[in-house]
Amino acid sequence: MNETQVLVNTIIDALQEKKGKKIITLDLTKIETAICKYFVIAEGSSSTQVSALSDSVWDNVYETLKEKPLGAVGMKESQWIVMDYGTVMLHIFIPDIRSYYNLENLWADADITEIPDIV
């Protein structure tokens, strides 16, 4: 397993730990104009949960891989948080904002993998 896939899996584990929902990965490696190799997209039911999800990812990725995001935006409002790990970009939404921006459709050429929710 390569470093990028280990990062993706670590992010998914951190999201699931805090009950992130509707997690998907978009494999962008075959899209020449893509800004990274993978998107990970998830949602939380409220801005509080979105914030908790981003905190979980930040902490778990650092503890496991000693990596911090190159940048992170949206932390204050916690409606849509983007964390840039270079090869992987994480998007965490509240449901209404996710539905409005519909990144899955925007990057429809990507290989999409749905991660089952943990109940």
PDB file of N, CA and C in Angstrom:
ATOM      1  N   MET A   1       0.854  -1.182   0.000  1.00  0.00           N
ATOM      2  CA  MET A   1       0.000   0.000   0.000  1.00  0.00           C
ATOM      3  C   MET A   1       0.891   1.234   0.000  1.00  0.00           C
ATOM      4  N   ASN A   2       0.602   2.200  -0.882  1.00  0.00           N
ATOM      5  CA  ASN A   2       1.444   3.391  -0.964  1.00  0.00           C
ATOM      6  C   ASN A   2       1.058   4.426   0.096  1.00  0.00           C
ATOM      7  N   GLU A   3       1.882   5.450   0.223  1.00  0.00           N
ATOM      8  CA  GLU A   3       1.692   6.468   1.260  1.00  0.00           C
ATOM      9  C   GLU A   3       0.353   7.187   1.138  1.00  0.00           C
ATOM     10  N   THR A   4      -0.054   7.481  -0.094  1.00  0.00           N
ATOM     11  CA  THR A   4      -1.317   8.183  -0.300  1.00  0.00           C
ATOM     12  C   THR A   4      -2.486   7.331   0.172  1.00  0.00           C
ATOM     13  N   GLN A   5      -2.465   6.053  -0.137  1.00  0.00           N
ATOM     14  CA  GLN A   5      -3.554   5.169   0.281  1.00  0.00           C
ATOM     15  C   GLN A   5      -3.576   5.009   1.798  1.00  0.00           C
ATOM     16  N   VAL A   6      -2.415   4.976   2.425  1.00  0.00           N
ATOM     17  CA  VAL A   6      -2.351   4.919   3.891  1.00  0.00           C
ATOM     18  C   VAL A   6      -2.978   6.185   4.476  1.00  0.00           C
ATOM     19  N   LEU A   7      -2.691   7.339   3.880  1.00  0.00           N
ATOM     20  CA  LEU A   7      -3.287   8.597   4.334  1.00  0.00           C
ATOM     21  C   LEU A   7      -4.803   8.565   4.174  1.00  0.00           C
ATOM     22  N   VAL A   8      -5.290   8.125   3.022  1.00  0.00           N
ATOM     23  CA  VAL A   8      -6.734   8.020   2.792  1.00  0.00           C
ATOM     24  C   VAL A   8      -7.375   7.128   3.852  1.00  0.00           C
ATOM     25  N   ASN A   9      -6.795   5.980   4.100  1.00  0.00           N
ATOM     26  CA  ASN A   9      -7.351   5.051   5.092  1.00  0.00           C
ATOM     27  C   ASN A   9      -7.336   5.626   6.499  1.00  0.00           C
ATOM     28  N   THR A  10      -6.284   6.366   6.831  1.00  0.00           N
ATOM     29  CA  THR A  10      -6.203   6.997   8.155  1.00  0.00           C
ATOM     30  C   THR A  10      -7.284   8.054   8.309  1.00  0.00           C
ATOM     31  N   ILE A  11      -7.521   8.829   7.255  1.00  0.00           N
ATOM     32  CA  ILE A  11      -8.579   9.844   7.273  1.00  0.00           C
ATOM     33  C   ILE A  11      -9.941   9.175   7.447  1.00  0.00           C
ATOM     34  N   ILE A  12     -10.196   8.121   6.697  1.00  0.00           N
ATOM     35  CA  ILE A  12     -11.481   7.413   6.794  1.00  0.00           C
ATOM     36  C   ILE A  12     -11.684   6.862   8.198  1.00  0.00           C
ATOM     37  N   ASP A  13     -10.660   6.259   8.771  1.00  0.00           N
ATOM     38  CA  ASP A  13     -10.766   5.726  10.136  1.00  0.00           C
ATOM     39  C   ASP A  13     -11.120   6.829  11.123  1.00  0.00           C
ATOM     40  N   ALA A  14     -10.482   7.989  10.988  1.00  0.00           N
ATOM     41  CA  ALA A  14     -10.746   9.110  11.897  1.00  0.00           C
ATOM     42  C   ALA A  14     -12.169   9.624  11.738  1.00  0.00           C
ATOM     43  N   LEU A  15     -12.659   9.674  10.505  1.00  0.00           N
ATOM     44  CA  LEU A  15     -14.035  10.109  10.262  1.00  0.00           C
ATOM     45  C   LEU A  15     -15.036   9.126  10.861  1.00  0.00           C
ATOM     46  N   GLN A  16     -14.780   7.846  10.674  1.00  0.00           N
ATOM     47  CA  GLN A  16     -15.691   6.832  11.203  1.00  0.00           C
ATOM     48  C   GLN A  16     -15.681   6.809  12.734  1.00  0.00           C
ATOM     49  N   GLU A  17     -14.538   7.120  13.317  1.00  0.00           N
ATOM     50  CA  GLU A  17     -14.430   7.159  14.780  1.00  0.00           C
ATOM     51  C   GLU A  17     -15.411   8.156  15.385  1.00  0.00           C
ATOM     52  N   LYS A  18     -15.680   9.241  14.665  1.00  0.00           N
ATOM     53  CA  LYS A  18     -16.597  10.283  15.144  1.00  0.00           C
ATOM     54  C   LYS A  18     -17.939  10.241  14.426  1.00  0.00           C
ATOM     55  N   LYS A  19     -18.256   9.085  13.848  1.00  0.00           N
ATOM     56  CA  LYS A  19     -19.552   8.838  13.209  1.00  0.00           C
ATOM     57  C   LYS A  19     -19.813   9.717  11.992  1.00  0.00           C
ATOM     58  N   GLY A  20     -18.766  10.000  11.210  1.00  0.00           N
ATOM     59  CA  GLY A  20     -18.955  10.685   9.940  1.00  0.00           C
ATOM     60  C   GLY A  20     -19.840   9.851   9.030  1.00  0.00           C
ATOM     61  N   LYS A  21     -20.663  10.494   8.234  1.00  0.00           N
ATOM     62  CA  LYS A  21     -21.631   9.796   7.385  1.00  0.00           C
ATOM     63  C   LYS A  21     -21.346  10.034   5.907  1.00  0.00           C
ATOM     64  N   LYS A  22     -21.866   9.117   5.103  1.00  0.00           N
ATOM     65  CA  LYS A  22     -21.811   9.209   3.640  1.00  0.00           C
ATOM     66  C   LYS A  22     -20.394   9.517   3.146  1.00  0.00           C
ATOM     67  N   ILE A  23     -19.435   8.780   3.664  1.00  0.00           N
ATOM     68  CA  ILE A  23     -18.034   8.967   3.290  1.00  0.00           C
ATOM     69  C   ILE A  23     -17.806   8.340   1.924  1.00  0.00           C
ATOM     70  N   ILE A  24     -17.159   9.100   1.054  1.00  0.00           N
ATOM     71  CA  ILE A  24     -16.763   8.571  -0.247  1.00  0.00           C
ATOM     72  C   ILE A  24     -15.337   9.005  -0.545  1.00  0.00           C
ATOM     73  N   THR A  25     -14.686   8.229  -1.399  1.00  0.00           N
ATOM     74  CA  THR A  25     -13.393   8.661  -1.936  1.00  0.00           C
ATOM     75  C   THR A  25     -13.545   8.823  -3.435  1.00  0.00           C
ATOM     76  N   LEU A  26     -12.890   9.816  -3.965  1.00  0.00           N
ATOM     77  CA  LEU A  26     -12.822  10.035  -5.399  1.00  0.00           C
ATOM     78  C   LEU A  26     -11.374   9.864  -5.809  1.00  0.00           C
ATOM     79  N   ASP A  27     -11.112   8.859  -6.611  1.00  0.00           N
ATOM     80  CA  ASP A  27      -9.762   8.598  -7.117  1.00  0.00           C
ATOM     81  C   ASP A  27      -9.575   9.472  -8.356  1.00  0.00           C
ATOM     82  N   LEU A  28      -8.751  10.481  -8.230  1.00  0.00           N
ATOM     83  CA  LEU A  28      -8.535  11.455  -9.304  1.00  0.00           C
ATOM     84  C   LEU A  28      -7.253  11.189 -10.085  1.00  0.00           C
ATOM     85  N   THR A  29      -6.607  10.063  -9.834  1.00  0.00           N
ATOM     86  CA  THR A  29      -5.291   9.813 -10.422  1.00  0.00           C
ATOM     87  C   THR A  29      -5.308   9.733 -11.941  1.00  0.00           C
ATOM     88  N   LYS A  30      -6.444   9.417 -12.538  1.00  0.00           N
ATOM     89  CA  LYS A  30      -6.518   9.317 -14.004  1.00  0.00           C
ATOM     90  C   LYS A  30      -6.965  10.615 -14.659  1.00  0.00           C
ATOM     91  N   ILE A  31      -7.195  11.653 -13.854  1.00  0.00           N
ATOM     92  CA  ILE A  31      -7.634  12.945 -14.378  1.00  0.00           C
ATOM     93  C   ILE A  31      -6.435  13.890 -14.372  1.00  0.00           C
ATOM     94  N   GLU A  32      -5.938  14.215 -15.547  1.00  0.00           N
ATOM     95  CA  GLU A  32      -4.700  14.999 -15.663  1.00  0.00           C
ATOM     96  C   GLU A  32      -4.780  16.367 -15.010  1.00  0.00           C
ATOM     97  N   THR A  33      -5.946  16.991 -15.024  1.00  0.00           N
ATOM     98  CA  THR A  33      -6.078  18.352 -14.496  1.00  0.00           C
ATOM     99  C   THR A  33      -6.417  18.400 -13.009  1.00  0.00           C
ATOM    100  N   ALA A  34      -6.501  17.246 -12.360  1.00  0.00           N
ATOM    101  CA  ALA A  34      -6.863  17.202 -10.942  1.00  0.00           C
ATOM    102  C   ALA A  34      -5.778  17.848 -10.084  1.00  0.00           C
ATOM    103  N   ILE A  35      -6.203  18.471  -9.006  1.00  0.00           N
ATOM    104  CA  ILE A  35      -5.270  19.178  -8.129  1.00  0.00           C
ATOM    105  C   ILE A  35      -4.624  18.273  -7.083  1.00  0.00           C
ATOM    106  N   CYS A  36      -5.109  17.038  -6.976  1.00  0.00           N
ATOM    107  CA  CYS A  36      -4.548  16.072  -6.038  1.00  0.00           C
ATOM    108  C   CYS A  36      -4.889  14.672  -6.534  1.00  0.00           C
ATOM    109  N   LYS A  37      -4.481  13.675  -5.785  1.00  0.00           N
ATOM    110  CA  LYS A  37      -4.738  12.291  -6.193  1.00  0.00           C
ATOM    111  C   LYS A  37      -6.098  11.780  -5.719  1.00  0.00           C
ATOM    112  N   TYR A  38      -6.532  12.226  -4.536  1.00  0.00           N
ATOM    113  CA  TYR A  38      -7.804  11.765  -3.972  1.00  0.00           C
ATOM    114  C   TYR A  38      -8.538  12.899  -3.296  1.00  0.00           C
ATOM    115  N   PHE A  39      -9.856  12.861  -3.391  1.00  0.00           N
ATOM    116  CA  PHE A  39     -10.745  13.613  -2.519  1.00  0.00           C
ATOM    117  C   PHE A  39     -11.354  12.601  -1.573  1.00  0.00           C
ATOM    118  N   VAL A  40     -11.492  12.970  -0.328  1.00  0.00           N
ATOM    119  CA  VAL A  40     -12.319  12.238   0.615  1.00  0.00           C
ATOM    120  C   VAL A  40     -13.423  13.213   0.998  1.00  0.00           C
ATOM    121  N   ILE A  41     -14.664  12.768   0.892  1.00  0.00           N
ATOM    122  CA  ILE A  41     -15.819  13.621   1.185  1.00  0.00           C
ATOM    123  C   ILE A  41     -16.661  12.928   2.244  1.00  0.00           C
ATOM    124  N   ALA A  42     -17.087  13.712   3.232  1.00  0.00           N
ATOM    125  CA  ALA A  42     -17.913  13.171   4.315  1.00  0.00           C
ATOM    126  C   ALA A  42     -18.846  14.263   4.799  1.00  0.00           C
ATOM    127  N   GLU A  43     -19.792  13.867   5.631  1.00  0.00           N
ATOM    128  CA  GLU A  43     -20.664  14.877   6.222  1.00  0.00           C
ATOM    129  C   GLU A  43     -20.928  14.567   7.681  1.00  0.00           C
ATOM    130  N   GLY A  44     -21.224  15.658   8.375  1.00  0.00           N
ATOM    131  CA  GLY A  44     -21.656  15.575   9.763  1.00  0.00           C
ATOM    132  C   GLY A  44     -23.039  16.180   9.850  1.00  0.00           C
ATOM    133  N   SER A  45     -23.791  15.805  10.847  1.00  0.00           N
ATOM    134  CA  SER A  45     -25.182  16.240  10.944  1.00  0.00           C
ATOM    135  C   SER A  45     -25.337  17.691  11.403  1.00  0.00           C
ATOM    136  N   SER A  46     -24.276  18.281  11.950  1.00  0.00           N
ATOM    137  CA  SER A  46     -24.328  19.659  12.443  1.00  0.00           C
ATOM    138  C   SER A  46     -22.939  20.278  12.336  1.00  0.00           C
ATOM    139  N   SER A  47     -22.876  21.579  12.510  1.00  0.00           N
ATOM    140  CA  SER A  47     -21.566  22.242  12.469  1.00  0.00           C
ATOM    141  C   SER A  47     -20.670  21.752  13.610  1.00  0.00           C
ATOM    142  N   THR A  48     -21.262  21.401  14.734  1.00  0.00           N
ATOM    143  CA  THR A  48     -20.493  20.863  15.853  1.00  0.00           C
ATOM    144  C   THR A  48     -19.844  19.537  15.468  1.00  0.00           C
ATOM    145  N   GLN A  49     -20.607  18.666  14.804  1.00  0.00           N
ATOM    146  CA  GLN A  49     -20.040  17.387  14.393  1.00  0.00           C
ATOM    147  C   GLN A  49     -19.008  17.572  13.284  1.00  0.00           C
ATOM    148  N   VAL A  50     -19.253  18.490  12.351  1.00  0.00           N
ATOM    149  CA  VAL A  50     -18.267  18.761  11.294  1.00  0.00           C
ATOM    150  C   VAL A  50     -16.944  19.179  11.928  1.00  0.00           C
ATOM    151  N   SER A  51     -17.008  20.040  12.930  1.00  0.00           N
ATOM    152  CA  SER A  51     -15.804  20.471  13.636  1.00  0.00           C
ATOM    153  C   SER A  51     -15.125  19.293  14.337  1.00  0.00           C
ATOM    154  N   ALA A  52     -15.921  18.442  14.989  1.00  0.00           N
ATOM    155  CA  ALA A  52     -15.359  17.269  15.679  1.00  0.00           C
ATOM    156  C   ALA A  52     -14.703  16.312  14.680  1.00  0.00           C
ATOM    157  N   LEU A  53     -15.293  16.161  13.508  1.00  0.00           N
ATOM    158  CA  LEU A  53     -14.718  15.299  12.469  1.00  0.00           C
ATOM    159  C   LEU A  53     -13.361  15.829  12.021  1.00  0.00           C
ATOM    160  N   SER A  54     -13.286  17.133  11.788  1.00  0.00           N
ATOM    161  CA  SER A  54     -12.005  17.698  11.342  1.00  0.00           C
ATOM    162  C   SER A  54     -10.943  17.585  12.435  1.00  0.00           C
ATOM    163  N   ASP A  55     -11.339  17.790  13.683  1.00  0.00           N
ATOM    164  CA  ASP A  55     -10.395  17.633  14.796  1.00  0.00           C
ATOM    165  C   ASP A  55      -9.883  16.195  14.880  1.00  0.00           C
ATOM    166  N   SER A  56     -10.787  15.243  14.685  1.00  0.00           N
ATOM    167  CA  SER A  56     -10.407  13.834  14.735  1.00  0.00           C
ATOM    168  C   SER A  56      -9.404  13.498  13.639  1.00  0.00           C
ATOM    169  N   VAL A  57      -9.665  13.991  12.434  1.00  0.00           N
ATOM    170  CA  VAL A  57      -8.738  13.736  11.323  1.00  0.00           C
ATOM    171  C   VAL A  57      -7.392  14.376  11.618  1.00  0.00           C
ATOM    172  N   TRP A  58      -7.397  15.635  12.016  1.00  0.00           N
ATOM    173  CA  TRP A  58      -6.152  16.353  12.299  1.00  0.00           C
ATOM    174  C   TRP A  58      -5.314  15.562  13.318  1.00  0.00           C
ATOM    175  N   ASP A  59      -5.953  15.177  14.419  1.00  0.00           N
ATOM    176  CA  ASP A  59      -5.242  14.473  15.491  1.00  0.00           C
ATOM    177  C   ASP A  59      -4.764  13.091  15.061  1.00  0.00           C
ATOM    178  N   ASN A  60      -5.642  12.304  14.435  1.00  0.00           N
ATOM    179  CA  ASN A  60      -5.278  10.936  14.072  1.00  0.00           C
ATOM    180  C   ASN A  60      -4.219  10.875  12.983  1.00  0.00           C
ATOM    181  N   VAL A  61      -4.319  11.759  11.996  1.00  0.00           N
ATOM    182  CA  VAL A  61      -3.296  11.763  10.939  1.00  0.00           C
ATOM    183  C   VAL A  61      -1.954  12.167  11.528  1.00  0.00           C
ATOM    184  N   TYR A  62      -1.960  13.150  12.420  1.00  0.00           N
ATOM    185  CA  TYR A  62      -0.690  13.556  13.027  1.00  0.00           C
ATOM    186  C   TYR A  62      -0.115  12.445  13.905  1.00  0.00           C
ATOM    187  N   GLU A  63      -0.956  11.832  14.734  1.00  0.00           N
ATOM    188  CA  GLU A  63      -0.481  10.767  15.624  1.00  0.00           C
ATOM    189  C   GLU A  63       0.030   9.564  14.835  1.00  0.00           C
ATOM    190  N   THR A  64      -0.659   9.218  13.762  1.00  0.00           N
ATOM    191  CA  THR A  64      -0.323   8.020  13.001  1.00  0.00           C
ATOM    192  C   THR A  64       0.800   8.244  11.999  1.00  0.00           C
ATOM    193  N   LEU A  65       0.731   9.367  11.266  1.00  0.00           N
ATOM    194  CA  LEU A  65       1.648   9.593  10.144  1.00  0.00           C
ATOM    195  C   LEU A  65       2.577  10.791  10.334  1.00  0.00           C
ATOM    196  N   LYS A  66       2.400  11.516  11.430  1.00  0.00           N
ATOM    197  CA  LYS A  66       3.207  12.715  11.709  1.00  0.00           C
ATOM    198  C   LYS A  66       3.063  13.757  10.597  1.00  0.00           C
ATOM    199  N   GLU A  67       1.853  13.849  10.028  1.00  0.00           N
ATOM    200  CA  GLU A  67       1.562  14.837   8.983  1.00  0.00           C
ATOM    201  C   GLU A  67       0.495  15.798   9.461  1.00  0.00           C
ATOM    202  N   LYS A  68       0.690  17.068   9.135  1.00  0.00           N
ATOM    203  CA  LYS A  68      -0.327  18.089   9.360  1.00  0.00           C
ATOM    204  C   LYS A  68      -0.800  18.561   7.993  1.00  0.00           C
ATOM    205  N   PRO A  69      -2.020  19.072   7.918  1.00  0.00           N
ATOM    206  CA  PRO A  69      -2.470  19.571   6.617  1.00  0.00           C
ATOM    207  C   PRO A  69      -1.634  20.769   6.174  1.00  0.00           C
ATOM    208  N   LEU A  70      -1.474  20.894   4.860  1.00  0.00           N
ATOM    209  CA  LEU A  70      -0.785  22.060   4.302  1.00  0.00           C
ATOM    210  C   LEU A  70      -1.626  23.310   4.498  1.00  0.00           C
ATOM    211  N   GLY A  71      -2.920  23.108   4.565  1.00  0.00           N
ATOM    212  CA  GLY A  71      -3.849  24.203   4.791  1.00  0.00           C
ATOM    213  C   GLY A  71      -5.194  23.645   5.198  1.00  0.00           C
ATOM    214  N   ALA A  72      -5.974  24.471   5.860  1.00  0.00           N
ATOM    215  CA  ALA A  72      -7.326  24.086   6.255  1.00  0.00           C
ATOM    216  C   ALA A  72      -8.180  25.348   6.287  1.00  0.00           C
ATOM    217  N   VAL A  73      -9.350  25.276   5.693  1.00  0.00           N
ATOM    218  CA  VAL A  73     -10.258  26.419   5.687  1.00  0.00           C
ATOM    219  C   VAL A  73     -11.646  25.970   6.114  1.00  0.00           C
ATOM    220  N   GLY A  74     -12.404  26.930   6.640  1.00  0.00           N
ATOM    221  CA  GLY A  74     -13.779  26.668   7.047  1.00  0.00           C
ATOM    222  C   GLY A  74     -13.929  26.249   8.487  1.00  0.00           C
ATOM    223  N   MET A  75     -12.844  26.268   9.248  1.00  0.00           N
ATOM    224  CA  MET A  75     -12.884  25.791  10.634  1.00  0.00           C
ATOM    225  C   MET A  75     -13.800  26.663  11.521  1.00  0.00           C
ATOM    226  N   LYS A  76     -13.844  27.936  11.248  1.00  0.00           N
ATOM    227  CA  LYS A  76     -14.624  28.835  12.095  1.00  0.00           C
ATOM    228  C   LYS A  76     -16.126  28.593  11.944  1.00  0.00           C
ATOM    229  N   GLU A  77     -16.586  28.491  10.690  1.00  0.00           N
ATOM    230  CA  GLU A  77     -18.018  28.310  10.438  1.00  0.00           C
ATOM    231  C   GLU A  77     -18.446  26.853  10.573  1.00  0.00           C
ATOM    232  N   SER A  78     -17.552  25.939  10.211  1.00  0.00           N
ATOM    233  CA  SER A  78     -17.794  24.492  10.276  1.00  0.00           C
ATOM    234  C   SER A  78     -19.028  24.060   9.486  1.00  0.00           C
ATOM    235  N   GLN A  79     -19.233  24.701   8.342  1.00  0.00           N
ATOM    236  CA  GLN A  79     -20.288  24.290   7.413  1.00  0.00           C
ATOM    237  C   GLN A  79     -19.686  23.416   6.309  1.00  0.00           C
ATOM    238  N   TRP A  80     -18.481  23.810   5.898  1.00  0.00           N
ATOM    239  CA  TRP A  80     -17.711  23.075   4.887  1.00  0.00           C
ATOM    240  C   TRP A  80     -16.242  23.293   5.236  1.00  0.00           C
ATOM    241  N   ILE A  81     -15.605  22.264   5.705  1.00  0.00           N
ATOM    242  CA  ILE A  81     -14.189  22.340   6.054  1.00  0.00           C
ATOM    243  C   ILE A  81     -13.400  21.583   4.990  1.00  0.00           C
ATOM    244  N   VAL A  82     -12.344  22.229   4.505  1.00  0.00           N
ATOM    245  CA  VAL A  82     -11.438  21.594   3.544  1.00  0.00           C
ATOM    246  C   VAL A  82     -10.068  21.506   4.200  1.00  0.00           C
ATOM    247  N   MET A  83      -9.504  20.297   4.176  1.00  0.00           N
ATOM    248  CA  MET A  83      -8.158  20.079   4.704  1.00  0.00           C
ATOM    249  C   MET A  83      -7.304  19.527   3.563  1.00  0.00           C
ATOM    250  N   ASP A  84      -6.209  20.212   3.284  1.00  0.00           N
ATOM    251  CA  ASP A  84      -5.329  19.867   2.158  1.00  0.00           C
ATOM    252  C   ASP A  84      -4.096  19.147   2.679  1.00  0.00           C
ATOM    253  N   TYR A  85      -3.990  17.869   2.330  1.00  0.00           N
ATOM    254  CA  TYR A  85      -2.823  17.076   2.700  1.00  0.00           C
ATOM    255  C   TYR A  85      -1.901  16.843   1.508  1.00  0.00           C
ATOM    256  N   GLY A  86      -1.994  17.693   0.497  1.00  0.00           N
ATOM    257  CA  GLY A  86      -1.138  17.570  -0.685  1.00  0.00           C
ATOM    258  C   GLY A  86      -1.708  16.591  -1.695  1.00  0.00           C
ATOM    259  N   THR A  87      -1.531  15.316  -1.455  1.00  0.00           N
ATOM    260  CA  THR A  87      -2.052  14.304  -2.378  1.00  0.00           C
ATOM    261  C   THR A  87      -3.519  13.975  -2.113  1.00  0.00           C
ATOM    262  N   VAL A  88      -4.018  14.385  -0.947  1.00  0.00           N
ATOM    263  CA  VAL A  88      -5.400  14.116  -0.561  1.00  0.00           C
ATOM    264  C   VAL A  88      -6.032  15.398  -0.034  1.00  0.00           C
ATOM    265  N   MET A  89      -7.237  15.686  -0.533  1.00  0.00           N
ATOM    266  CA  MET A  89      -8.014  16.800   0.007  1.00  0.00           C
ATOM    267  C   MET A  89      -9.266  16.235   0.652  1.00  0.00           C
ATOM    268  N   LEU A  90      -9.505  16.654   1.874  1.00  0.00           N
ATOM    269  CA  LEU A  90     -10.663  16.211   2.630  1.00  0.00           C
ATOM    270  C   LEU A  90     -11.694  17.335   2.646  1.00  0.00           C
ATOM    271  N   HIS A  91     -12.940  16.983   2.333  1.00  0.00           N
ATOM    272  CA  HIS A  91     -14.065  17.915   2.391  1.00  0.00           C
ATOM    273  C   HIS A  91     -15.072  17.352   3.383  1.00  0.00           C
ATOM    274  N   ILE A  92     -15.391  18.130   4.415  1.00  0.00           N
ATOM    275  CA  ILE A  92     -16.397  17.723   5.390  1.00  0.00           C
ATOM    276  C   ILE A  92     -17.508  18.776   5.366  1.00  0.00           C
ATOM    277  N   PHE A  93     -18.722  18.325   5.117  1.00  0.00           N
ATOM    278  CA  PHE A  93     -19.867  19.216   4.930  1.00  0.00           C
ATOM    279  C   PHE A  93     -20.964  18.963   5.951  1.00  0.00           C
ATOM    280  N   ILE A  94     -21.834  19.980   6.133  1.00  0.00           N
ATOM    281  CA  ILE A  94     -23.166  19.712   6.648  1.00  0.00           C
ATOM    282  C   ILE A  94     -23.986  19.305   5.433  1.00  0.00           C
ATOM    283  N   PRO A  95     -25.071  18.530   5.603  1.00  0.00           N
ATOM    284  CA  PRO A  95     -25.782  17.963   4.452  1.00  0.00           C
ATOM    285  C   PRO A  95     -26.253  18.976   3.400  1.00  0.00           C
ATOM    286  N   ASP A  96     -26.824  20.109   3.806  1.00  0.00           N
ATOM    287  CA  ASP A  96     -27.342  21.077   2.832  1.00  0.00           C
ATOM    288  C   ASP A  96     -26.242  21.640   1.935  1.00  0.00           C
ATOM    289  N   ILE A  97     -25.110  21.942   2.519  1.00  0.00           N
ATOM    290  CA  ILE A  97     -23.999  22.502   1.752  1.00  0.00           C
ATOM    291  C   ILE A  97     -23.420  21.438   0.818  1.00  0.00           C
ATOM    292  N   ARG A  98     -23.317  20.214   1.295  1.00  0.00           N
ATOM    293  CA  ARG A  98     -22.813  19.133   0.436  1.00  0.00           C
ATOM    294  C   ARG A  98     -23.726  18.950  -0.769  1.00  0.00           C
ATOM    295  N   SER A  99     -25.009  18.933  -0.528  1.00  0.00           N
ATOM    296  CA  SER A  99     -25.973  18.761  -1.607  1.00  0.00           C
ATOM    297  C   SER A  99     -25.883  19.911  -2.614  1.00  0.00           C
ATOM    298  N   TYR A 100     -25.724  21.127  -2.124  1.00  0.00           N
ATOM    299  CA  TYR A 100     -25.657  22.298  -3.003  1.00  0.00           C
ATOM    300  C   TYR A 100     -24.433  22.251  -3.922  1.00  0.00           C
ATOM    301  N   TYR A 101     -23.269  21.949  -3.376  1.00  0.00           N
ATOM    302  CA  TYR A 101     -22.036  21.961  -4.174  1.00  0.00           C
ATOM    303  C   TYR A 101     -21.822  20.673  -4.965  1.00  0.00           C
ATOM    304  N   ASN A 102     -22.350  19.554  -4.496  1.00  0.00           N
ATOM    305  CA  ASN A 102     -22.362  18.296  -5.230  1.00  0.00           C
ATOM    306  C   ASN A 102     -21.026  17.977  -5.912  1.00  0.00           C
ATOM    307  N   LEU A 103     -19.963  17.924  -5.125  1.00  0.00           N
ATOM    308  CA  LEU A 103     -18.630  17.652  -5.668  1.00  0.00           C
ATOM    309  C   LEU A 103     -18.555  16.305  -6.383  1.00  0.00           C
ATOM    310  N   GLU A 104     -19.343  15.364  -5.919  1.00  0.00           N
ATOM    311  CA  GLU A 104     -19.347  14.042  -6.557  1.00  0.00           C
ATOM    312  C   GLU A 104     -19.705  14.154  -8.041  1.00  0.00           C
ATOM    313  N   ASN A 105     -20.664  15.012  -8.358  1.00  0.00           N
ATOM    314  CA  ASN A 105     -21.079  15.215  -9.742  1.00  0.00           C
ATOM    315  C   ASN A 105     -20.049  16.031 -10.510  1.00  0.00           C
ATOM    316  N   LEU A 106     -19.465  17.018  -9.854  1.00  0.00           N
ATOM    317  CA  LEU A 106     -18.463  17.866 -10.492  1.00  0.00           C
ATOM    318  C   LEU A 106     -17.259  17.047 -10.948  1.00  0.00           C
ATOM    319  N   TRP A 107     -16.886  16.054 -10.164  1.00  0.00           N
ATOM    320  CA  TRP A 107     -15.760  15.181 -10.483  1.00  0.00           C
ATOM    321  C   TRP A 107     -16.256  13.788 -10.881  1.00  0.00           C
ATOM    322  N   ALA A 108     -17.299  13.744 -11.680  1.00  0.00           N
ATOM    323  CA  ALA A 108     -17.939  12.484 -12.065  1.00  0.00           C
ATOM    324  C   ALA A 108     -17.018  11.548 -12.847  1.00  0.00           C
ATOM    325  N   ASP A 109     -15.934  12.075 -13.434  1.00  0.00           N
ATOM    326  CA  ASP A 109     -14.981  11.230 -14.160  1.00  0.00           C
ATOM    327  C   ASP A 109     -14.097  10.411 -13.225  1.00  0.00           C
ATOM    328  N   ALA A 110     -14.113  10.733 -11.955  1.00  0.00           N
ATOM    329  CA  ALA A 110     -13.283  10.022 -10.980  1.00  0.00           C
ATOM    330  C   ALA A 110     -13.910   8.671 -10.648  1.00  0.00           C
ATOM    331  N   ASP A 111     -13.059   7.767 -10.186  1.00  0.00           N
ATOM    332  CA  ASP A 111     -13.549   6.493  -9.654  1.00  0.00           C
ATOM    333  C   ASP A 111     -14.033   6.752  -8.231  1.00  0.00           C
ATOM    334  N   ILE A 112     -15.312   6.492  -7.990  1.00  0.00           N
ATOM    335  CA  ILE A 112     -15.931   6.794  -6.694  1.00  0.00           C
ATOM    336  C   ILE A 112     -16.113   5.519  -5.888  1.00  0.00           C
ATOM    337  N   THR A 113     -15.668   5.574  -4.637  1.00  0.00           N
ATOM    338  CA  THR A 113     -15.857   4.448  -3.722  1.00  0.00           C
ATOM    339  C   THR A 113     -16.662   4.936  -2.528  1.00  0.00           C
ATOM    340  N   GLU A 114     -17.781   4.275  -2.263  1.00  0.00           N
ATOM    341  CA  GLU A 114     -18.602   4.603  -1.099  1.00  0.00           C
ATOM    342  C   GLU A 114     -18.134   3.761   0.079  1.00  0.00           C
ATOM    343  N   ILE A 115     -17.955   4.420   1.208  1.00  0.00           N
ATOM    344  CA  ILE A 115     -17.534   3.751   2.439  1.00  0.00           C
ATOM    345  C   ILE A 115     -18.782   3.561   3.298  1.00  0.00           C
ATOM    346  N   PRO A 116     -19.085   2.338   3.720  1.00  0.00           N
ATOM    347  CA  PRO A 116     -20.300   2.110   4.516  1.00  0.00           C
ATOM    348  C   PRO A 116     -20.268   2.889   5.832  1.00  0.00           C
ATOM    349  N   ASP A 117     -21.428   3.439   6.192  1.00  0.00           N
ATOM    350  CA  ASP A 117     -21.568   4.107   7.492  1.00  0.00           C
ATOM    351  C   ASP A 117     -21.435   3.082   8.604  1.00  0.00           C
ATOM    352  N   ILE A 118     -20.841   3.497   9.709  1.00  0.00           N
ATOM    353  CA  ILE A 118     -20.790   2.665  10.900  1.00  0.00           C
ATOM    354  C   ILE A 118     -21.959   3.073  11.766  1.00  0.00           C
ATOM    355  N   VAL A 119     -22.754   2.113  12.139  1.00  0.00           N
ATOM    356  CA  VAL A 119     -23.972   2.412  12.908  1.00  0.00           C
ATOM    357  C   VAL A 119     -23.661   2.445  14.376  1.00  0.00           C
TER     358      VAL A 119
END
